[in-house]
Amino acid sequence: MKITYIGGGNMAAAMIGGMLTQGFTGKDIHVVEPDTGKRAELSAQYGISTSAPEERIPASQVIVFAIKPQQFRAVAAQILPQVNDALVISIAAGIRAETISKWLNGYERIIRVMPNTPALVQAGISGVYAAAEVTSDDKALTERILASIGEQVWVDDESQIDGITAISGSGPAYVFYFMEALQAAAKAQGFNADIAQKLAYQTFAGAVKLAINSDDDAGTLQVKVTSKGGTTERAIKALETSQVRSTIIAAASAAAARSRELGDELGRDTE
């Protein structure tokens, strides 16, 4: 089997590194990358073959587009004669399967993936949508590839990818925002930067681990921590007074709306 990545950036590198721990070998993987230094780095680190965009790619069972959305149309036109009957997987944000199909002259064996940045440490979650021509074997192979960077959630309606973009795609930024705020709160209590960071980071890491390993949902866990008349209750009341919960929901809604807008904008570029 040959899996060709179009683009050798951070996400592609994360997937390749993870794949090599999942039973794939360097011989299974090829990368098309314009940067000479990056090609050399990928070959040396992972033992894979690479080529420049103007070179012909090897016959591939899977082609993964790991490029910026703005590059997709031009690259698709260049790759089109070499797609043959490969499964096409796109991790390019915002570009809908219908748009990809048009850029590939009506080709429909397409899977669209929305990963997130924790994929860089093999702890990601990806939203996945399959076009109608995708087979069950294609889906199984996609799951095997994506297992290299974390877990997956399949959706039957592609519009739900916008929601996944808002929750898990953009979600790490919300978490980092809250972590930064918690560090600032620690500094306001008189702790130095190192201690403030340690308190904030480990609190998040521990709370997430507890939630993952618990049978209780997050709301129940929060109630269990919140003793009546205690310090946590006072803090939660302050958060509720400031409407933090509804603000987070509104923020995710705004992100989903922007995801839909980007899909519309990129989809217009099909003529």
C-alpha atoms as a PDB file:
ATOM      1  CA  MET A   1       0.000   0.000   0.000  1.00  0.00           C
ATOM      2  CA  LYS A   2       1.159   3.518  -0.772  1.00  0.00           C
ATOM      3  CA  ILE A   3      -0.249   6.557   1.004  1.00  0.00           C
ATOM      4  CA  THR A   4       0.809   9.890  -0.458  1.00  0.00           C
ATOM      5  CA  TYR A   5       0.621  13.105   1.511  1.00  0.00           C
ATOM      6  CA  ILE A   6       0.306  16.298  -0.485  1.00  0.00           C
ATOM      7  CA  GLY A   7       2.047  18.674   1.898  1.00  0.00           C
ATOM      8  CA  GLY A   8       4.591  17.861   4.585  1.00  0.00           C
ATOM      9  CA  GLY A   9       3.685  20.341   7.322  1.00  0.00           C
ATOM     10  CA  ASN A  10       3.163  19.791  11.037  1.00  0.00           C
ATOM     11  CA  MET A  11      -0.120  17.890  10.781  1.00  0.00           C
ATOM     12  CA  ALA A  12       1.170  15.583   8.051  1.00  0.00           C
ATOM     13  CA  ALA A  13       4.330  14.942  10.077  1.00  0.00           C
ATOM     14  CA  ALA A  14       2.241  14.148  13.162  1.00  0.00           C
ATOM     15  CA  MET A  15       0.142  11.680  11.187  1.00  0.00           C
ATOM     16  CA  ILE A  16       3.198  10.039   9.633  1.00  0.00           C
ATOM     17  CA  GLY A  17       4.944   9.697  12.985  1.00  0.00           C
ATOM     18  CA  GLY A  18       1.829   8.170  14.499  1.00  0.00           C
ATOM     19  CA  MET A  19       1.280   5.837  11.546  1.00  0.00           C
ATOM     20  CA  LEU A  20       4.730   4.357  12.012  1.00  0.00           C
ATOM     21  CA  THR A  21       3.675   3.329  15.528  1.00  0.00           C
ATOM     22  CA  GLN A  22       0.413   1.838  14.191  1.00  0.00           C
ATOM     23  CA  GLY A  23       1.993  -0.786  11.947  1.00  0.00           C
ATOM     24  CA  PHE A  24       2.655   1.239   8.797  1.00  0.00           C
ATOM     25  CA  THR A  25       6.211   1.306   7.455  1.00  0.00           C
ATOM     26  CA  GLY A  26       8.255   4.003   5.773  1.00  0.00           C
ATOM     27  CA  LYS A  27       7.774   2.190   2.468  1.00  0.00           C
ATOM     28  CA  ASP A  28       4.017   2.769   2.768  1.00  0.00           C
ATOM     29  CA  ILE A  29       4.336   6.558   2.865  1.00  0.00           C
ATOM     30  CA  HIS A  30       5.287   9.212   0.331  1.00  0.00           C
ATOM     31  CA  VAL A  31       5.212  12.992   0.746  1.00  0.00           C
ATOM     32  CA  VAL A  32       4.970  15.696  -1.897  1.00  0.00           C
ATOM     33  CA  GLU A  33       6.551  18.845  -0.462  1.00  0.00           C
ATOM     34  CA  PRO A  34       7.955  21.932  -2.234  1.00  0.00           C
ATOM     35  CA  ASP A  35      10.560  22.763   0.425  1.00  0.00           C
ATOM     36  CA  THR A  36      13.819  20.903  -0.237  1.00  0.00           C
ATOM     37  CA  GLY A  37      14.965  21.086   3.372  1.00  0.00           C
ATOM     38  CA  LYS A  38      11.635  19.805   4.646  1.00  0.00           C
ATOM     39  CA  ARG A  39      11.757  16.869   2.233  1.00  0.00           C
ATOM     40  CA  ALA A  40      15.216  15.931   3.465  1.00  0.00           C
ATOM     41  CA  GLU A  41      14.096  16.248   7.103  1.00  0.00           C
ATOM     42  CA  LEU A  42      11.047  14.034   6.581  1.00  0.00           C
ATOM     43  CA  SER A  43      13.065  11.386   4.740  1.00  0.00           C
ATOM     44  CA  ALA A  44      15.740  11.309   7.427  1.00  0.00           C
ATOM     45  CA  GLN A  45      13.327  11.275  10.360  1.00  0.00           C
ATOM     46  CA  TYR A  46      10.766   8.786   9.092  1.00  0.00           C
ATOM     47  CA  GLY A  47      12.511   6.775   6.370  1.00  0.00           C
ATOM     48  CA  ILE A  48       9.907   7.733   3.767  1.00  0.00           C
ATOM     49  CA  SER A  49      10.154   8.739   0.118  1.00  0.00           C
ATOM     50  CA  THR A  50       9.509  12.338  -0.932  1.00  0.00           C
ATOM     51  CA  SER A  51       9.218  14.346  -4.118  1.00  0.00           C
ATOM     52  CA  ALA A  52       8.782  17.907  -5.351  1.00  0.00           C
ATOM     53  CA  PRO A  53       5.352  19.008  -6.648  1.00  0.00           C
ATOM     54  CA  GLU A  54       6.481  18.962 -10.284  1.00  0.00           C
ATOM     55  CA  GLU A  55       7.485  15.295 -10.061  1.00  0.00           C
ATOM     56  CA  ARG A  56       5.088  12.439 -10.689  1.00  0.00           C
ATOM     57  CA  ILE A  57       3.814  10.783  -7.519  1.00  0.00           C
ATOM     58  CA  PRO A  58       3.937   6.995  -7.085  1.00  0.00           C
ATOM     59  CA  ALA A  59       0.783   4.983  -7.724  1.00  0.00           C
ATOM     60  CA  SER A  60      -1.169   5.452  -4.481  1.00  0.00           C
ATOM     61  CA  GLN A  61      -4.163   3.823  -2.830  1.00  0.00           C
ATOM     62  CA  VAL A  62      -4.692   6.906  -0.647  1.00  0.00           C
ATOM     63  CA  ILE A  63      -3.919  10.573  -1.313  1.00  0.00           C
ATOM     64  CA  VAL A  64      -4.080  12.875   1.717  1.00  0.00           C
ATOM     65  CA  PHE A  65      -4.370  16.593   1.008  1.00  0.00           C
ATOM     66  CA  ALA A  66      -2.582  18.239   3.951  1.00  0.00           C
ATOM     67  CA  ILE A  67      -2.291  21.749   2.528  1.00  0.00           C
ATOM     68  CA  LYS A  68      -3.680  25.211   3.169  1.00  0.00           C
ATOM     69  CA  PRO A  69      -7.208  25.765   1.824  1.00  0.00           C
ATOM     70  CA  GLN A  70      -6.027  28.594  -0.423  1.00  0.00           C
ATOM     71  CA  GLN A  71      -3.644  26.200  -2.194  1.00  0.00           C
ATOM     72  CA  PHE A  72      -6.129  23.407  -2.719  1.00  0.00           C
ATOM     73  CA  ARG A  73      -7.626  24.256  -6.100  1.00  0.00           C
ATOM     74  CA  ALA A  74      -4.298  24.734  -7.876  1.00  0.00           C
ATOM     75  CA  VAL A  75      -2.806  21.618  -6.291  1.00  0.00           C
ATOM     76  CA  ALA A  76      -5.897  19.553  -7.114  1.00  0.00           C
ATOM     77  CA  ALA A  77      -5.591  20.514 -10.786  1.00  0.00           C
ATOM     78  CA  GLN A  78      -1.948  19.437 -10.754  1.00  0.00           C
ATOM     79  CA  ILE A  79      -2.652  16.116  -8.997  1.00  0.00           C
ATOM     80  CA  LEU A  80      -5.862  15.252 -10.889  1.00  0.00           C
ATOM     81  CA  PRO A  81      -4.229  13.162 -13.646  1.00  0.00           C
ATOM     82  CA  GLN A  82      -2.560  11.003 -10.979  1.00  0.00           C
ATOM     83  CA  VAL A  83      -5.561  10.406  -8.690  1.00  0.00           C
ATOM     84  CA  ASN A  84      -6.767   7.373 -10.676  1.00  0.00           C
ATOM     85  CA  ASP A  85      -8.976   5.435  -8.230  1.00  0.00           C
ATOM     86  CA  ALA A  86      -7.266   6.493  -4.986  1.00  0.00           C
ATOM     87  CA  LEU A  87      -9.192   7.326  -1.837  1.00  0.00           C
ATOM     88  CA  VAL A  88      -8.908  11.088  -1.359  1.00  0.00           C
ATOM     89  CA  ILE A  89      -8.686  12.326   2.235  1.00  0.00           C
ATOM     90  CA  SER A  90      -8.696  16.068   2.904  1.00  0.00           C
ATOM     91  CA  ILE A  91      -7.614  17.647   6.173  1.00  0.00           C
ATOM     92  CA  ALA A  92      -7.789  21.146   4.648  1.00  0.00           C
ATOM     93  CA  ALA A  93     -10.082  23.305   6.782  1.00  0.00           C
ATOM     94  CA  GLY A  94     -13.297  24.676   5.344  1.00  0.00           C
ATOM     95  CA  ILE A  95     -13.347  23.001   1.938  1.00  0.00           C
ATOM     96  CA  ARG A  96     -16.447  20.876   1.456  1.00  0.00           C
ATOM     97  CA  ALA A  97     -16.462  17.502  -0.245  1.00  0.00           C
ATOM     98  CA  GLU A  98     -18.633  18.880  -3.054  1.00  0.00           C
ATOM     99  CA  THR A  99     -16.056  21.600  -3.754  1.00  0.00           C
ATOM    100  CA  ILE A 100     -13.198  19.092  -3.720  1.00  0.00           C
ATOM    101  CA  SER A 101     -15.162  16.901  -6.120  1.00  0.00           C
ATOM    102  CA  LYS A 102     -15.621  19.785  -8.551  1.00  0.00           C
ATOM    103  CA  TRP A 103     -11.908  20.601  -8.408  1.00  0.00           C
ATOM    104  CA  LEU A 104     -11.174  16.921  -9.116  1.00  0.00           C
ATOM    105  CA  ASN A 105     -13.442  16.851 -12.179  1.00  0.00           C
ATOM    106  CA  GLY A 106     -16.355  15.150 -10.443  1.00  0.00           C
ATOM    107  CA  TYR A 107     -14.363  12.558  -8.495  1.00  0.00           C
ATOM    108  CA  GLU A 108     -16.397  11.508  -5.444  1.00  0.00           C
ATOM    109  CA  ARG A 109     -14.391   8.978  -3.434  1.00  0.00           C
ATOM    110  CA  ILE A 110     -13.632  11.648  -0.870  1.00  0.00           C
ATOM    111  CA  ILE A 111     -13.364  11.782   2.910  1.00  0.00           C
ATOM    112  CA  ARG A 112     -13.198  15.101   4.721  1.00  0.00           C
ATOM    113  CA  VAL A 113     -11.436  15.301   8.087  1.00  0.00           C
ATOM    114  CA  MET A 114     -11.394  18.091  10.664  1.00  0.00           C
ATOM    115  CA  PRO A 115      -8.520  17.349  13.079  1.00  0.00           C
ATOM    116  CA  ASN A 116      -7.331  19.547  15.927  1.00  0.00           C
ATOM    117  CA  THR A 117      -3.924  20.611  17.191  1.00  0.00           C
ATOM    118  CA  PRO A 118      -3.579  17.990  19.988  1.00  0.00           C
ATOM    119  CA  ALA A 119      -3.051  15.643  17.030  1.00  0.00           C
ATOM    120  CA  LEU A 120       0.520  16.934  17.158  1.00  0.00           C
ATOM    121  CA  VAL A 121       0.981  14.886  20.349  1.00  0.00           C
ATOM    122  CA  GLN A 122      -1.255  11.996  19.196  1.00  0.00           C
ATOM    123  CA  ALA A 123      -4.066  13.161  21.497  1.00  0.00           C
ATOM    124  CA  GLY A 124      -6.402  14.727  18.950  1.00  0.00           C
ATOM    125  CA  ILE A 125     -10.032  14.242  18.033  1.00  0.00           C
ATOM    126  CA  SER A 126     -11.092  14.396  14.385  1.00  0.00           C
ATOM    127  CA  GLY A 127     -14.503  14.909  12.836  1.00  0.00           C
ATOM    128  CA  VAL A 128     -14.894  12.760   9.723  1.00  0.00           C
ATOM    129  CA  TYR A 129     -17.378  12.870   6.846  1.00  0.00           C
ATOM    130  CA  ALA A 130     -17.517  10.428   3.924  1.00  0.00           C
ATOM    131  CA  ALA A 131     -18.998  11.201   0.514  1.00  0.00           C
ATOM    132  CA  ALA A 132     -21.445   8.720  -1.013  1.00  0.00           C
ATOM    133  CA  GLU A 133     -18.858   6.834  -3.107  1.00  0.00           C
ATOM    134  CA  VAL A 134     -16.737   5.938  -0.068  1.00  0.00           C
ATOM    135  CA  THR A 135     -16.825   2.240   0.857  1.00  0.00           C
ATOM    136  CA  SER A 136     -16.795   0.553   4.244  1.00  0.00           C
ATOM    137  CA  ASP A 137     -13.228  -0.576   3.528  1.00  0.00           C
ATOM    138  CA  ASP A 138     -12.299   3.063   2.821  1.00  0.00           C
ATOM    139  CA  LYS A 139     -13.744   4.074   6.159  1.00  0.00           C
ATOM    140  CA  ALA A 140     -11.866   1.330   7.988  1.00  0.00           C
ATOM    141  CA  LEU A 141      -8.589   2.388   6.353  1.00  0.00           C
ATOM    142  CA  THR A 142      -9.277   6.029   7.223  1.00  0.00           C
ATOM    143  CA  GLU A 143      -9.857   5.072  10.857  1.00  0.00           C
ATOM    144  CA  ARG A 144      -6.568   3.208  10.873  1.00  0.00           C
ATOM    145  CA  ILE A 145      -4.745   6.240   9.485  1.00  0.00           C
ATOM    146  CA  LEU A 146      -6.449   8.706  11.835  1.00  0.00           C
ATOM    147  CA  ALA A 147      -5.764   6.492  14.851  1.00  0.00           C
ATOM    148  CA  SER A 148      -2.215   7.796  14.434  1.00  0.00           C
ATOM    149  CA  ILE A 149      -3.283  11.175  15.818  1.00  0.00           C
ATOM    150  CA  GLY A 150      -6.070  10.310  18.254  1.00  0.00           C
ATOM    151  CA  GLU A 151      -9.764   9.472  18.115  1.00  0.00           C
ATOM    152  CA  GLN A 152     -12.472  10.084  15.518  1.00  0.00           C
ATOM    153  CA  VAL A 153     -16.142  11.002  15.374  1.00  0.00           C
ATOM    154  CA  TRP A 154     -18.022  10.238  12.147  1.00  0.00           C
ATOM    155  CA  VAL A 155     -20.895  12.445  10.982  1.00  0.00           C
ATOM    156  CA  ASP A 156     -23.515  11.596   8.363  1.00  0.00           C
ATOM    157  CA  ASP A 157     -24.324  15.225   7.587  1.00  0.00           C
ATOM    158  CA  GLU A 158     -21.365  17.249   6.337  1.00  0.00           C
ATOM    159  CA  SER A 159     -22.820  20.438   7.827  1.00  0.00           C
ATOM    160  CA  GLN A 160     -21.973  18.966  11.253  1.00  0.00           C
ATOM    161  CA  ILE A 161     -18.300  19.437  10.402  1.00  0.00           C
ATOM    162  CA  ASP A 162     -18.926  23.139  11.052  1.00  0.00           C
ATOM    163  CA  GLY A 163     -20.037  22.258  14.570  1.00  0.00           C
ATOM    164  CA  ILE A 164     -17.020  20.021  15.083  1.00  0.00           C
ATOM    165  CA  THR A 165     -14.815  22.858  13.874  1.00  0.00           C
ATOM    166  CA  ALA A 166     -16.397  25.098  16.509  1.00  0.00           C
ATOM    167  CA  ILE A 167     -16.110  22.601  19.380  1.00  0.00           C
ATOM    168  CA  SER A 168     -12.980  20.506  18.913  1.00  0.00           C
ATOM    169  CA  GLY A 169     -11.246  22.234  15.994  1.00  0.00           C
ATOM    170  CA  SER A 170     -11.195  25.648  17.659  1.00  0.00           C
ATOM    171  CA  GLY A 171     -11.698  24.189  21.149  1.00  0.00           C
ATOM    172  CA  PRO A 172      -8.024  23.948  22.172  1.00  0.00           C
ATOM    173  CA  ALA A 173      -7.827  27.745  21.884  1.00  0.00           C
ATOM    174  CA  TYR A 174     -10.730  28.085  24.337  1.00  0.00           C
ATOM    175  CA  VAL A 175      -8.942  25.782  26.786  1.00  0.00           C
ATOM    176  CA  PHE A 176      -5.673  27.703  26.430  1.00  0.00           C
ATOM    177  CA  TYR A 177      -7.615  30.945  26.969  1.00  0.00           C
ATOM    178  CA  PHE A 178      -9.055  29.619  30.223  1.00  0.00           C
ATOM    179  CA  MET A 179      -5.655  28.255  31.285  1.00  0.00           C
ATOM    180  CA  GLU A 180      -4.085  31.648  30.677  1.00  0.00           C
ATOM    181  CA  ALA A 181      -6.840  33.300  32.729  1.00  0.00           C
ATOM    182  CA  LEU A 182      -6.312  30.822  35.573  1.00  0.00           C
ATOM    183  CA  GLN A 183      -2.577  31.585  35.526  1.00  0.00           C
ATOM    184  CA  ALA A 184      -3.385  35.301  35.720  1.00  0.00           C
ATOM    185  CA  ALA A 185      -5.652  34.582  38.688  1.00  0.00           C
ATOM    186  CA  ALA A 186      -2.825  32.688  40.390  1.00  0.00           C
ATOM    187  CA  LYS A 187      -0.444  35.598  39.838  1.00  0.00           C
ATOM    188  CA  ALA A 188      -3.062  37.916  41.320  1.00  0.00           C
ATOM    189  CA  GLN A 189      -2.946  35.713  44.433  1.00  0.00           C
ATOM    190  CA  GLY A 190       0.789  36.387  44.708  1.00  0.00           C
ATOM    191  CA  PHE A 191       2.326  33.339  43.006  1.00  0.00           C
ATOM    192  CA  ASN A 192       5.241  33.706  40.614  1.00  0.00           C
ATOM    193  CA  ALA A 193       4.897  32.795  36.915  1.00  0.00           C
ATOM    194  CA  ASP A 194       6.372  29.291  37.230  1.00  0.00           C
ATOM    195  CA  ILE A 195       4.128  28.273  40.105  1.00  0.00           C
ATOM    196  CA  ALA A 196       1.094  29.916  38.475  1.00  0.00           C
ATOM    197  CA  GLN A 197       1.674  27.907  35.296  1.00  0.00           C
ATOM    198  CA  LYS A 198       2.184  24.653  37.183  1.00  0.00           C
ATOM    199  CA  LEU A 199      -0.993  25.150  39.207  1.00  0.00           C
ATOM    200  CA  ALA A 200      -3.069  25.954  36.111  1.00  0.00           C
ATOM    201  CA  TYR A 201      -1.661  23.267  33.804  1.00  0.00           C
ATOM    202  CA  GLN A 202      -1.821  20.432  36.298  1.00  0.00           C
ATOM    203  CA  THR A 203      -5.306  21.422  37.416  1.00  0.00           C
ATOM    204  CA  PHE A 204      -6.499  21.086  33.819  1.00  0.00           C
ATOM    205  CA  ALA A 205      -4.553  17.876  33.211  1.00  0.00           C
ATOM    206  CA  GLY A 206      -5.826  16.280  36.408  1.00  0.00           C
ATOM    207  CA  ALA A 207      -9.427  17.394  35.940  1.00  0.00           C
ATOM    208  CA  VAL A 208      -9.522  16.056  32.370  1.00  0.00           C
ATOM    209  CA  LYS A 209      -8.022  12.731  33.453  1.00  0.00           C
ATOM    210  CA  LEU A 210     -10.564  12.488  36.268  1.00  0.00           C
ATOM    211  CA  ALA A 211     -13.443  13.260  33.883  1.00  0.00           C
ATOM    212  CA  ILE A 212     -12.287  10.709  31.300  1.00  0.00           C
ATOM    213  CA  ASN A 213     -11.988   7.993  33.920  1.00  0.00           C
ATOM    214  CA  SER A 214     -15.252   8.806  35.704  1.00  0.00           C
ATOM    215  CA  ASP A 215     -18.735   7.469  35.049  1.00  0.00           C
ATOM    216  CA  ASP A 216     -20.118  10.903  35.987  1.00  0.00           C
ATOM    217  CA  ASP A 217     -20.631  13.671  33.454  1.00  0.00           C
ATOM    218  CA  ALA A 218     -18.861  17.010  33.796  1.00  0.00           C
ATOM    219  CA  GLY A 219     -21.853  18.681  35.422  1.00  0.00           C
ATOM    220  CA  THR A 220     -22.069  16.028  38.120  1.00  0.00           C
ATOM    221  CA  LEU A 221     -18.334  16.209  38.769  1.00  0.00           C
ATOM    222  CA  GLN A 222     -18.591  19.971  39.157  1.00  0.00           C
ATOM    223  CA  VAL A 223     -21.395  19.580  41.707  1.00  0.00           C
ATOM    224  CA  LYS A 224     -19.329  17.053  43.668  1.00  0.00           C
ATOM    225  CA  VAL A 225     -16.473  19.558  43.944  1.00  0.00           C
ATOM    226  CA  THR A 226     -18.820  22.395  44.923  1.00  0.00           C
ATOM    227  CA  SER A 227     -19.567  22.176  48.628  1.00  0.00           C
ATOM    228  CA  LYS A 228     -22.551  24.208  49.817  1.00  0.00           C
ATOM    229  CA  GLY A 229     -21.384  27.473  51.322  1.00  0.00           C
ATOM    230  CA  GLY A 230     -17.791  26.782  50.381  1.00  0.00           C
ATOM    231  CA  THR A 231     -15.117  28.484  48.283  1.00  0.00           C
ATOM    232  CA  THR A 232     -15.926  26.688  45.018  1.00  0.00           C
ATOM    233  CA  GLU A 233     -19.603  27.585  45.262  1.00  0.00           C
ATOM    234  CA  ARG A 234     -18.661  31.259  45.608  1.00  0.00           C
ATOM    235  CA  ALA A 235     -16.442  30.999  42.503  1.00  0.00           C
ATOM    236  CA  ILE A 236     -19.093  29.201  40.431  1.00  0.00           C
ATOM    237  CA  LYS A 237     -21.681  31.828  41.374  1.00  0.00           C
ATOM    238  CA  ALA A 238     -19.283  34.527  40.153  1.00  0.00           C
ATOM    239  CA  LEU A 239     -18.863  32.672  36.837  1.00  0.00           C
ATOM    240  CA  GLU A 240     -22.634  32.287  36.461  1.00  0.00           C
ATOM    241  CA  THR A 241     -23.221  35.963  37.289  1.00  0.00           C
ATOM    242  CA  SER A 242     -20.768  36.856  34.523  1.00  0.00           C
ATOM    243  CA  GLN A 243     -22.626  34.481  32.165  1.00  0.00           C
ATOM    244  CA  VAL A 244     -19.466  32.560  31.333  1.00  0.00           C
ATOM    245  CA  ARG A 245     -21.414  29.437  30.302  1.00  0.00           C
ATOM    246  CA  SER A 246     -23.651  31.291  27.824  1.00  0.00           C
ATOM    247  CA  THR A 247     -20.647  33.227  26.523  1.00  0.00           C
ATOM    248  CA  ILE A 248     -18.815  29.985  25.735  1.00  0.00           C
ATOM    249  CA  ILE A 249     -21.883  28.661  23.912  1.00  0.00           C
ATOM    250  CA  ALA A 250     -22.143  31.917  21.949  1.00  0.00           C
ATOM    251  CA  ALA A 251     -18.431  31.773  21.107  1.00  0.00           C
ATOM    252  CA  ALA A 252     -18.768  28.262  19.689  1.00  0.00           C
ATOM    253  CA  SER A 253     -21.823  29.357  17.709  1.00  0.00           C
ATOM    254  CA  ALA A 254     -19.802  32.225  16.232  1.00  0.00           C
ATOM    255  CA  ALA A 255     -17.034  29.817  15.264  1.00  0.00           C
ATOM    256  CA  ALA A 256     -19.516  27.480  13.565  1.00  0.00           C
ATOM    257  CA  ALA A 257     -21.012  30.401  11.651  1.00  0.00           C
ATOM    258  CA  ARG A 258     -17.571  31.427  10.439  1.00  0.00           C
ATOM    259  CA  SER A 259     -16.855  27.841   9.376  1.00  0.00           C
ATOM    260  CA  ARG A 260     -20.008  27.890   7.242  1.00  0.00           C
ATOM    261  CA  GLU A 261     -18.981  31.235   5.760  1.00  0.00           C
ATOM    262  CA  LEU A 262     -15.541  29.904   4.839  1.00  0.00           C
ATOM    263  CA  GLY A 263     -17.118  26.868   3.193  1.00  0.00           C
ATOM    264  CA  ASP A 264     -19.352  29.172   1.151  1.00  0.00           C
ATOM    265  CA  GLU A 265     -16.452  31.434   0.187  1.00  0.00           C
ATOM    266  CA  LEU A 266     -14.193  28.582  -0.880  1.00  0.00           C
ATOM    267  CA  GLY A 267     -17.069  26.841  -2.631  1.00  0.00           C
ATOM    268  CA  ARG A 268     -17.648  29.838  -4.883  1.00  0.00           C
ATOM    269  CA  ASP A 269     -14.175  29.322  -6.357  1.00  0.00           C
ATOM    270  CA  THR A 270     -15.265  26.406  -8.514  1.00  0.00           C
ATOM    271  CA  GLU A 271     -15.794  27.979 -11.904  1.00  0.00           C
END
